[in-house]
Amino acid sequence: MPRARALLVGLEGMTGDIVGRLLEHEPGCEVIAERPERAGLLEAIRRYRPSIVVVGLHKADVGPGWDDLFVTYPDLQVLAVTPEGRRACLFREPLEDGLVAALQRALE
């Protein structure tokens, strides 16, 4: 049984292929075959119940519907990848004690 289920969303071309292959070769990781567009993000999460979502960014934007994503699925880990796959950002936990406290922790 896989420890993690990964859903790839809005990852196009070579970047999507590379990320998909990397995850497929990761022990204990199941990659969900469907790769929905970003407009179908919330519906795909409801349908497949992944433990991590990898989202392709377009023009380095966070995108519409992200507030709904994090409110509806606060424990879901989301990895956002730039179009060329050169940078990524992991959204892992809600800011329960606020942005200032999170920034202070990051500076420690």
C-alpha atoms as a PDB file:
ATOM      1  CA  MET A   1       0.000   0.000   0.000  1.00  0.00           C
ATOM      2  CA  PRO A   2       1.450   3.403  -0.949  1.00  0.00           C
ATOM      3  CA  ARG A   3       2.388   5.877   1.794  1.00  0.00           C
ATOM      4  CA  ALA A   4       1.691   8.811  -0.501  1.00  0.00           C
ATOM      5  CA  ARG A   5      -0.707   9.519  -3.357  1.00  0.00           C
ATOM      6  CA  ALA A   6       0.434  12.289  -5.675  1.00  0.00           C
ATOM      7  CA  LEU A   7      -1.854  14.279  -7.943  1.00  0.00           C
ATOM      8  CA  LEU A   8      -0.183  16.317 -10.704  1.00  0.00           C
ATOM      9  CA  VAL A   9      -2.212  19.347 -11.760  1.00  0.00           C
ATOM     10  CA  GLY A  10      -1.503  21.756 -14.595  1.00  0.00           C
ATOM     11  CA  LEU A  11       1.984  20.361 -15.199  1.00  0.00           C
ATOM     12  CA  GLU A  12       2.647  20.499 -18.904  1.00  0.00           C
ATOM     13  CA  GLY A  13       5.235  19.122 -21.271  1.00  0.00           C
ATOM     14  CA  MET A  14       8.637  17.989 -20.147  1.00  0.00           C
ATOM     15  CA  THR A  15       8.285  19.383 -16.621  1.00  0.00           C
ATOM     16  CA  GLY A  16       5.187  17.264 -16.015  1.00  0.00           C
ATOM     17  CA  ASP A  17       6.870  14.186 -17.465  1.00  0.00           C
ATOM     18  CA  ILE A  18       9.970  14.622 -15.308  1.00  0.00           C
ATOM     19  CA  VAL A  19       8.029  15.228 -12.084  1.00  0.00           C
ATOM     20  CA  GLY A  20       5.739  12.274 -12.816  1.00  0.00           C
ATOM     21  CA  ARG A  21       8.650   9.913 -13.475  1.00  0.00           C
ATOM     22  CA  LEU A  22      10.521  11.041 -10.374  1.00  0.00           C
ATOM     23  CA  LEU A  23       7.489  10.394  -8.188  1.00  0.00           C
ATOM     24  CA  GLU A  24       6.723   7.052  -9.848  1.00  0.00           C
ATOM     25  CA  HIS A  25      10.210   5.824  -8.923  1.00  0.00           C
ATOM     26  CA  GLU A  26       9.880   7.024  -5.332  1.00  0.00           C
ATOM     27  CA  PRO A  27       9.258   4.026  -3.035  1.00  0.00           C
ATOM     28  CA  GLY A  28       5.800   4.085  -1.493  1.00  0.00           C
ATOM     29  CA  CYS A  29       4.444   6.749  -3.839  1.00  0.00           C
ATOM     30  CA  GLU A  30       1.492   6.231  -6.137  1.00  0.00           C
ATOM     31  CA  VAL A  31       1.033   8.788  -8.915  1.00  0.00           C
ATOM     32  CA  ILE A  32      -2.597   9.292  -9.914  1.00  0.00           C
ATOM     33  CA  ALA A  33      -2.850   8.738 -13.678  1.00  0.00           C
ATOM     34  CA  GLU A  34      -5.183  11.643 -14.459  1.00  0.00           C
ATOM     35  CA  ARG A  35      -3.499  15.039 -14.775  1.00  0.00           C
ATOM     36  CA  PRO A  36      -6.295  17.590 -14.546  1.00  0.00           C
ATOM     37  CA  GLU A  37      -6.026  21.225 -15.533  1.00  0.00           C
ATOM     38  CA  ARG A  38      -5.846  23.792 -12.748  1.00  0.00           C
ATOM     39  CA  ALA A  39      -9.504  24.724 -13.195  1.00  0.00           C
ATOM     40  CA  GLY A  40     -10.413  21.209 -12.009  1.00  0.00           C
ATOM     41  CA  LEU A  41      -8.092  21.217  -8.989  1.00  0.00           C
ATOM     42  CA  LEU A  42     -10.651  21.056  -6.161  1.00  0.00           C
ATOM     43  CA  GLU A  43     -12.822  18.485  -7.936  1.00  0.00           C
ATOM     44  CA  ALA A  44      -9.785  16.277  -8.586  1.00  0.00           C
ATOM     45  CA  ILE A  45      -8.768  16.469  -4.919  1.00  0.00           C
ATOM     46  CA  ARG A  46     -12.285  15.466  -3.846  1.00  0.00           C
ATOM     47  CA  ARG A  47     -12.279  12.587  -6.316  1.00  0.00           C
ATOM     48  CA  TYR A  48      -8.793  11.138  -5.758  1.00  0.00           C
ATOM     49  CA  ARG A  49      -7.982  12.175  -2.165  1.00  0.00           C
ATOM     50  CA  PRO A  50      -4.246  12.641  -2.700  1.00  0.00           C
ATOM     51  CA  SER A  51      -1.807  13.197   0.147  1.00  0.00           C
ATOM     52  CA  ILE A  52       0.244  15.630  -1.958  1.00  0.00           C
ATOM     53  CA  VAL A  53      -0.619  17.811  -4.924  1.00  0.00           C
ATOM     54  CA  VAL A  54       2.003  19.078  -7.368  1.00  0.00           C
ATOM     55  CA  VAL A  55       0.722  22.152  -9.205  1.00  0.00           C
ATOM     56  CA  GLY A  56       2.289  23.699 -12.264  1.00  0.00           C
ATOM     57  CA  LEU A  57       2.490  27.457 -11.967  1.00  0.00           C
ATOM     58  CA  HIS A  58       1.862  29.683 -14.959  1.00  0.00           C
ATOM     59  CA  LYS A  59       3.903  32.868 -15.048  1.00  0.00           C
ATOM     60  CA  ALA A  60       4.854  32.178 -11.398  1.00  0.00           C
ATOM     61  CA  ASP A  61       1.353  32.969 -10.125  1.00  0.00           C
ATOM     62  CA  VAL A  62      -0.301  31.227  -7.222  1.00  0.00           C
ATOM     63  CA  GLY A  63      -3.589  31.192  -9.058  1.00  0.00           C
ATOM     64  CA  PRO A  64      -7.312  31.516  -8.483  1.00  0.00           C
ATOM     65  CA  GLY A  65      -9.007  29.229  -6.036  1.00  0.00           C
ATOM     66  CA  TRP A  66      -5.964  28.730  -3.828  1.00  0.00           C
ATOM     67  CA  ASP A  67      -7.697  30.252  -0.812  1.00  0.00           C
ATOM     68  CA  ASP A  68     -10.480  27.684  -1.259  1.00  0.00           C
ATOM     69  CA  LEU A  69      -7.882  24.936  -1.626  1.00  0.00           C
ATOM     70  CA  PHE A  70      -6.118  25.744   1.641  1.00  0.00           C
ATOM     71  CA  VAL A  71      -9.342  26.361   3.584  1.00  0.00           C
ATOM     72  CA  THR A  72     -11.019  23.172   2.341  1.00  0.00           C
ATOM     73  CA  TYR A  73      -7.910  20.974   2.663  1.00  0.00           C
ATOM     74  CA  PRO A  74      -5.734  22.572   5.376  1.00  0.00           C
ATOM     75  CA  ASP A  75      -3.630  19.439   5.929  1.00  0.00           C
ATOM     76  CA  LEU A  76      -2.890  18.770   2.250  1.00  0.00           C
ATOM     77  CA  GLN A  77       0.700  19.338   1.160  1.00  0.00           C
ATOM     78  CA  VAL A  78       0.941  21.338  -2.067  1.00  0.00           C
ATOM     79  CA  LEU A  79       4.107  21.667  -4.126  1.00  0.00           C
ATOM     80  CA  ALA A  80       4.006  24.504  -6.678  1.00  0.00           C
ATOM     81  CA  VAL A  81       6.483  24.222  -9.576  1.00  0.00           C
ATOM     82  CA  THR A  82       7.501  27.015 -11.965  1.00  0.00           C
ATOM     83  CA  PRO A  83       6.900  26.430 -15.684  1.00  0.00           C
ATOM     84  CA  GLU A  84      10.478  25.351 -16.444  1.00  0.00           C
ATOM     85  CA  GLY A  85      10.770  23.330 -13.235  1.00  0.00           C
ATOM     86  CA  ARG A  86      13.690  25.396 -11.927  1.00  0.00           C
ATOM     87  CA  ARG A  87      11.991  26.455  -8.691  1.00  0.00           C
ATOM     88  CA  ALA A  88       9.373  25.032  -6.389  1.00  0.00           C
ATOM     89  CA  CYS A  89       7.608  25.986  -3.192  1.00  0.00           C
ATOM     90  CA  LEU A  90       6.061  23.589  -0.666  1.00  0.00           C
ATOM     91  CA  PHE A  91       2.904  24.727   1.115  1.00  0.00           C
ATOM     92  CA  ARG A  92       2.804  22.425   4.094  1.00  0.00           C
ATOM     93  CA  GLU A  93       1.016  23.852   7.091  1.00  0.00           C
ATOM     94  CA  PRO A  94      -1.498  26.601   7.850  1.00  0.00           C
ATOM     95  CA  LEU A  95      -0.347  29.804   9.544  1.00  0.00           C
ATOM     96  CA  GLU A  96      -2.239  29.161  12.754  1.00  0.00           C
ATOM     97  CA  ASP A  97      -0.415  31.858  14.695  1.00  0.00           C
ATOM     98  CA  GLY A  98      -0.169  34.347  11.834  1.00  0.00           C
ATOM     99  CA  LEU A  99       2.257  35.507   9.188  1.00  0.00           C
ATOM    100  CA  VAL A 100       4.524  37.479  11.526  1.00  0.00           C
ATOM    101  CA  ALA A 101       5.112  34.439  13.764  1.00  0.00           C
ATOM    102  CA  ALA A 102       5.877  32.285  10.711  1.00  0.00           C
ATOM    103  CA  LEU A 103       8.390  34.845   9.431  1.00  0.00           C
ATOM    104  CA  GLN A 104      10.030  35.020  12.845  1.00  0.00           C
ATOM    105  CA  ARG A 105      10.390  31.229  12.903  1.00  0.00           C
ATOM    106  CA  ALA A 106      11.920  31.300   9.426  1.00  0.00           C
ATOM    107  CA  LEU A 107      14.502  33.851  10.547  1.00  0.00           C
ATOM    108  CA  GLU A 108      15.599  31.830  13.596  1.00  0.00           C
END
